[in-house]
Protein backbone atom coordinates (compact mmCIF):
# COMPACT_ATOMS: atom_id res chain seq x y z
CA UNK A 1 134.19 90.41 30.73
CA UNK A 2 131.68 89.91 33.51
CA UNK A 3 132.16 87.56 36.45
CA UNK A 4 132.85 87.37 40.14
CA UNK A 5 136.46 88.51 39.69
CA UNK A 6 135.97 90.88 36.74
CA UNK A 7 137.72 93.75 38.55
CA UNK A 8 140.54 91.66 40.04
CA UNK A 9 144.08 90.86 38.96
CA UNK A 10 145.51 87.52 40.04
CA UNK A 11 148.95 85.90 40.19
CA UNK A 12 149.08 82.08 40.41
CA UNK A 13 152.35 80.21 40.89
CA UNK A 14 152.69 76.54 40.01
CA UNK A 15 150.03 77.04 37.34
CA UNK A 16 151.47 74.62 34.79
CA UNK A 17 149.42 71.66 36.00
CA UNK A 18 147.07 70.29 38.64
CA UNK A 19 145.63 72.64 41.25
CA UNK A 20 147.48 75.67 39.90
CA UNK A 21 146.17 75.14 36.38
CA UNK A 22 142.61 74.64 37.61
CA UNK A 23 142.90 77.77 39.76
CA UNK A 24 144.27 79.99 36.99
CA UNK A 25 141.54 78.82 34.63
CA UNK A 26 138.78 79.35 37.20
CA UNK A 27 139.86 82.93 37.88
CA UNK A 28 140.20 83.66 34.17
CA UNK A 29 136.81 82.10 33.50
CA UNK A 30 135.26 84.38 36.10
CA UNK A 31 136.66 87.53 34.53
CA UNK A 32 139.97 88.07 36.34
CA UNK A 33 143.16 89.26 34.70
CA UNK A 34 145.52 86.36 35.38
CA UNK A 35 149.29 85.91 35.32
CA UNK A 36 150.02 82.17 35.46
CA UNK A 37 153.59 81.17 36.31
CA UNK A 38 155.50 77.91 36.56
CA UNK A 39 158.98 76.51 36.13
CA UNK A 40 157.75 73.78 33.77
CA UNK A 41 156.36 73.71 30.25
CA UNK A 42 152.66 73.28 31.02
CA UNK A 43 151.69 76.94 30.81
CA UNK A 44 150.72 76.77 27.14
CA UNK A 45 148.09 74.16 27.93
CA UNK A 46 146.95 76.12 31.00
CA UNK A 47 146.33 79.23 28.92
CA UNK A 48 144.69 77.32 26.06
CA UNK A 49 141.20 78.74 25.41
CA UNK A 50 142.02 81.73 27.65
CA UNK A 51 143.61 84.20 25.20
CA UNK A 52 143.82 87.01 27.76
CA UNK A 53 145.73 84.93 30.32
CA UNK A 54 149.38 85.95 30.65
CA UNK A 55 152.08 83.39 31.38
CA UNK A 56 155.61 83.59 32.68
CA UNK A 57 158.23 80.95 33.39
CA UNK A 58 160.01 81.24 36.71
CA UNK A 59 161.17 79.40 39.80
CA UNK A 60 158.88 80.18 42.74
CA UNK A 61 161.73 79.45 45.14
CA UNK A 62 164.02 82.10 43.63
CA UNK A 63 163.57 85.59 45.06
CA UNK A 64 164.55 87.51 41.96
CA UNK A 65 162.18 85.49 39.81
CA UNK A 66 159.33 86.03 42.27
CA UNK A 67 160.05 89.76 42.31
CA UNK A 68 160.00 89.68 38.50
CA UNK A 69 156.62 87.91 38.52
CA UNK A 70 155.10 90.56 40.76
CA UNK A 71 156.62 93.36 38.70
CA UNK A 72 155.18 91.88 35.51
CA UNK A 73 151.73 91.67 37.11
CA UNK A 74 151.96 95.30 38.16
CA UNK A 75 153.15 96.42 34.74
CA UNK A 76 150.46 94.50 32.88
CA UNK A 77 147.53 94.95 35.26
CA UNK A 78 148.37 98.13 37.17
CA UNK A 79 147.77 96.43 40.51
CA UNK A 80 147.66 93.02 42.15
CA UNK A 81 144.54 91.98 44.06
CA UNK A 82 144.98 88.24 44.61
CA UNK A 83 148.07 86.05 44.89
CA UNK A 84 147.94 82.26 44.99
CA UNK A 85 151.23 80.71 46.16
CA UNK A 86 150.62 77.21 44.87
CA UNK A 87 153.99 76.01 43.55
CA UNK A 88 155.27 72.91 45.32
CA UNK A 89 157.10 69.59 45.04
CA UNK A 90 156.53 66.34 46.92
CA UNK A 91 160.06 65.22 47.62
CA UNK A 92 158.88 61.61 47.56
CA UNK A 93 157.93 59.27 50.37
CA UNK A 94 161.40 58.19 51.49
CA UNK A 95 161.85 57.70 55.22
CA UNK A 96 163.88 60.04 57.42
CA UNK A 97 166.91 57.74 57.32
CA UNK A 98 166.82 57.71 53.52
CA UNK A 99 166.60 61.46 52.96
CA UNK A 100 169.58 63.75 52.64
CA UNK A 101 170.06 67.31 53.75
CA UNK A 102 169.90 68.35 50.10
CA UNK A 103 166.53 66.61 49.72
CA UNK A 104 165.16 68.64 52.62
CA UNK A 105 166.71 71.89 51.43
CA UNK A 106 165.07 71.62 48.01
CA UNK A 107 161.62 70.75 49.37
CA UNK A 108 161.78 73.59 51.90
CA UNK A 109 163.14 75.99 49.27
CA UNK A 110 160.23 75.48 46.92
CA UNK A 111 157.37 74.76 49.30
CA UNK A 112 158.09 76.98 52.29
CA UNK A 113 160.57 79.61 51.17
CA UNK A 114 158.57 79.90 47.95
CA UNK A 115 155.43 80.70 49.97
CA UNK A 116 157.41 83.22 52.04
CA UNK A 117 158.72 84.94 48.90
CA UNK A 118 155.25 85.10 47.40
CA UNK A 119 153.84 86.68 50.55
CA UNK A 120 156.77 89.07 50.92
CA UNK A 121 156.62 90.48 47.39
CA UNK A 122 152.89 90.38 46.71
CA UNK A 123 152.02 91.85 50.12
CA UNK A 124 154.51 94.68 49.54
CA UNK A 125 152.77 95.55 46.27
CA UNK A 126 149.35 95.38 47.94
CA UNK A 127 150.44 97.55 50.86
CA UNK A 128 151.90 100.14 48.49
CA UNK A 129 148.65 100.23 46.52
CA UNK A 130 146.72 100.77 49.74
CA UNK A 131 143.61 98.88 48.73
CA UNK A 132 144.06 95.56 50.52
CA UNK A 133 144.21 92.19 48.84
CA UNK A 134 144.14 88.45 49.34
CA UNK A 135 147.00 85.94 49.54
CA UNK A 136 146.30 82.22 49.53
CA UNK A 137 148.94 79.54 50.01
CA UNK A 138 148.51 75.91 49.10
CA UNK A 139 149.43 73.88 52.17
CA UNK A 140 148.24 70.29 52.74
CA UNK A 141 146.57 68.01 55.24
CA UNK A 142 150.11 66.64 55.56
CA UNK A 143 150.89 69.86 57.40
CA UNK A 144 148.09 69.16 59.88
CA UNK A 145 148.57 65.45 60.59
CA UNK A 146 151.27 62.84 60.11
CA UNK A 147 150.82 60.09 57.54
CA UNK A 148 149.82 62.12 54.48
CA UNK A 149 153.25 62.73 52.99
CA UNK A 150 156.99 62.38 53.38
CA UNK A 151 158.76 64.00 56.31
CA UNK A 152 160.23 66.94 54.39
CA UNK A 153 156.98 67.63 52.52
CA UNK A 154 154.90 67.42 55.69
CA UNK A 155 157.26 69.71 57.60
CA UNK A 156 157.25 72.22 54.75
CA UNK A 157 153.46 72.35 54.66
CA UNK A 158 153.22 72.68 58.45
CA UNK A 159 155.58 75.63 58.01
CA UNK A 160 153.31 77.13 55.36
CA UNK A 161 150.35 76.98 57.74
CA UNK A 162 152.26 78.77 60.50
CA UNK A 163 153.65 81.26 57.98
CA UNK A 164 150.11 82.13 56.90
CA UNK A 165 149.05 82.70 60.50
CA UNK A 166 152.12 84.83 61.22
CA UNK A 167 151.73 86.86 58.03
CA UNK A 168 148.05 87.53 58.75
CA UNK A 169 149.07 88.99 62.10
CA UNK A 170 151.97 91.04 60.75
CA UNK A 171 149.78 92.46 57.98
CA UNK A 172 147.08 93.47 60.44
CA UNK A 173 145.48 96.80 59.57
CA UNK A 174 146.47 96.67 55.90
CA UNK A 175 143.27 95.06 54.64
CA UNK A 176 145.25 92.09 53.33
CA UNK A 177 143.88 88.65 54.18
CA UNK A 178 146.23 85.64 54.22
CA UNK A 179 144.88 82.09 54.30
CA UNK A 180 145.90 78.57 53.36
CA UNK A 181 144.02 75.77 51.69
CA UNK A 182 144.91 72.23 52.78
CA UNK A 183 144.11 69.66 50.08
CA UNK A 184 143.74 65.99 50.84
CA UNK A 185 144.42 63.32 48.22
CA UNK A 186 143.94 65.09 44.89
CA UNK A 187 144.66 63.64 41.44
CA UNK A 188 147.51 65.78 40.15
CA UNK A 189 150.94 65.22 38.66
CA UNK A 190 152.27 64.95 42.21
CA UNK A 191 150.00 61.99 43.01
CA UNK A 192 150.07 60.45 39.52
CA UNK A 193 151.97 57.34 40.62
CA UNK A 194 149.57 56.65 43.51
CA UNK A 195 146.57 56.74 41.20
CA UNK A 196 148.25 54.76 38.43
CA UNK A 197 149.38 52.01 40.79
CA UNK A 198 145.91 51.69 42.27
CA UNK A 199 144.34 51.45 38.82
CA UNK A 200 146.93 48.94 37.63
CA UNK A 201 146.03 46.67 40.55
CA UNK A 202 142.32 47.11 39.99
CA UNK A 203 142.07 48.95 43.29
CA UNK A 204 140.88 52.35 42.17
CA UNK A 205 137.98 52.15 44.64
CA UNK A 206 140.52 52.18 47.46
CA UNK A 207 141.65 55.71 46.58
CA UNK A 208 140.45 58.05 49.30
CA UNK A 209 139.06 55.18 51.37
CA UNK A 210 140.23 56.80 54.62
CA UNK A 211 138.00 59.84 54.27
CA UNK A 212 134.23 59.84 54.85
CA UNK A 213 133.47 60.60 51.20
CA UNK A 214 135.44 57.48 50.20
CA UNK A 215 137.06 59.09 47.15
CA UNK A 216 139.95 61.22 46.06
CA UNK A 217 139.50 64.82 45.04
CA UNK A 218 139.88 66.77 41.80
CA UNK A 219 141.94 69.93 41.19
CA UNK A 220 138.77 71.87 40.39
CA UNK A 221 137.48 71.20 43.90
CA UNK A 222 140.55 72.84 45.41
CA UNK A 223 140.39 75.70 42.91
CA UNK A 224 136.82 76.44 44.00
CA UNK A 225 137.93 76.60 47.63
CA UNK A 226 140.75 78.97 46.69
CA UNK A 227 138.31 81.15 44.76
CA UNK A 228 136.00 81.24 47.76
CA UNK A 229 138.83 82.42 50.02
CA UNK A 230 139.69 85.08 47.44
CA UNK A 231 136.11 86.29 47.14
CA UNK A 232 134.14 88.86 49.09
CA UNK A 233 132.13 86.00 50.59
CA UNK A 234 135.24 85.19 52.66
CA UNK A 235 135.86 88.80 53.71
CA UNK A 236 136.07 87.92 57.43
CA UNK A 237 138.26 84.81 57.05
CA UNK A 238 141.90 85.51 57.83
CA UNK A 239 144.89 83.55 59.11
CA UNK A 240 143.15 80.20 58.62
CA UNK A 241 144.07 76.82 57.13
CA UNK A 242 141.04 75.34 55.36
CA UNK A 243 141.11 71.54 54.87
CA UNK A 244 139.54 70.39 51.60
CA UNK A 245 139.98 66.67 52.06
CA UNK A 246 136.66 64.84 52.04
CA UNK A 247 136.70 64.89 55.83
CA UNK A 248 140.02 63.04 56.18
CA UNK A 249 141.43 65.12 59.03
CA UNK A 250 138.14 65.34 60.92
CA UNK A 251 138.94 62.17 62.85
CA UNK A 252 141.78 60.29 64.44
CA UNK A 253 142.55 56.90 62.81
CA UNK A 254 140.40 53.97 63.81
CA UNK A 255 140.47 50.27 63.08
CA UNK A 256 138.05 48.82 60.55
CA UNK A 257 134.91 50.27 58.99
CA UNK A 258 132.67 52.09 61.41
CA UNK A 259 128.96 51.96 60.60
CA UNK A 260 126.15 54.00 62.02
CA UNK A 261 125.05 52.50 65.33
CA UNK A 262 128.10 50.25 65.61
CA UNK A 263 129.97 50.72 68.89
CA UNK A 264 133.67 50.06 69.25
CA UNK A 265 135.45 49.71 72.56
């Protein structure tokens, strides 16, 4: 099969829905050999119409399962060129006083420790192969600014961003690039309730109103950013966190609509 990634093998975690599903399909559609993994039951739908896509159930926050995922990719593909650590959970929007230690532990286990495990095991395979590679972690604008998620979720994604920067430095000289993508408000299973509530109130136009594009995003738009970071076009991008948010985090909050030529003091 021809395509931009025809010679690449790719592992995508959290591929059962949303951004992970869109990412796995994009890579497969552009010729890559793809192993799509998730803890849920959405992998059959993800792989639908992509007969060569491999799937595997597994918890991205469990080290043995992550090691098994990487081993399967190596056995099936012979090497691993790209890893997308996308698996994550929201943990809800409860305030700090309403969250328990267990709530935090689970969010950090999946979102942050899961990203660490993906980097640890995929980078080891890439180093052993000696031909470089690309690792991309799904972070969030919630890891860059307050107000875009619950406390545990936001802290976990801030941790992912720093982890990416640290890993890029520690993997210096190996030819492995490590970056993060930071989605804004994207319509996925994680944000389903937000979108449904807005539509039920007839307020769908309010979705994404805080960013300059005045709309929410789609999983495909994040998948395309991930594919860019994985491609040769991004060969000199390393240790970065790329916001894909309609411009949301380009500004500090301000009061009221600001129009061209309108001064506020």
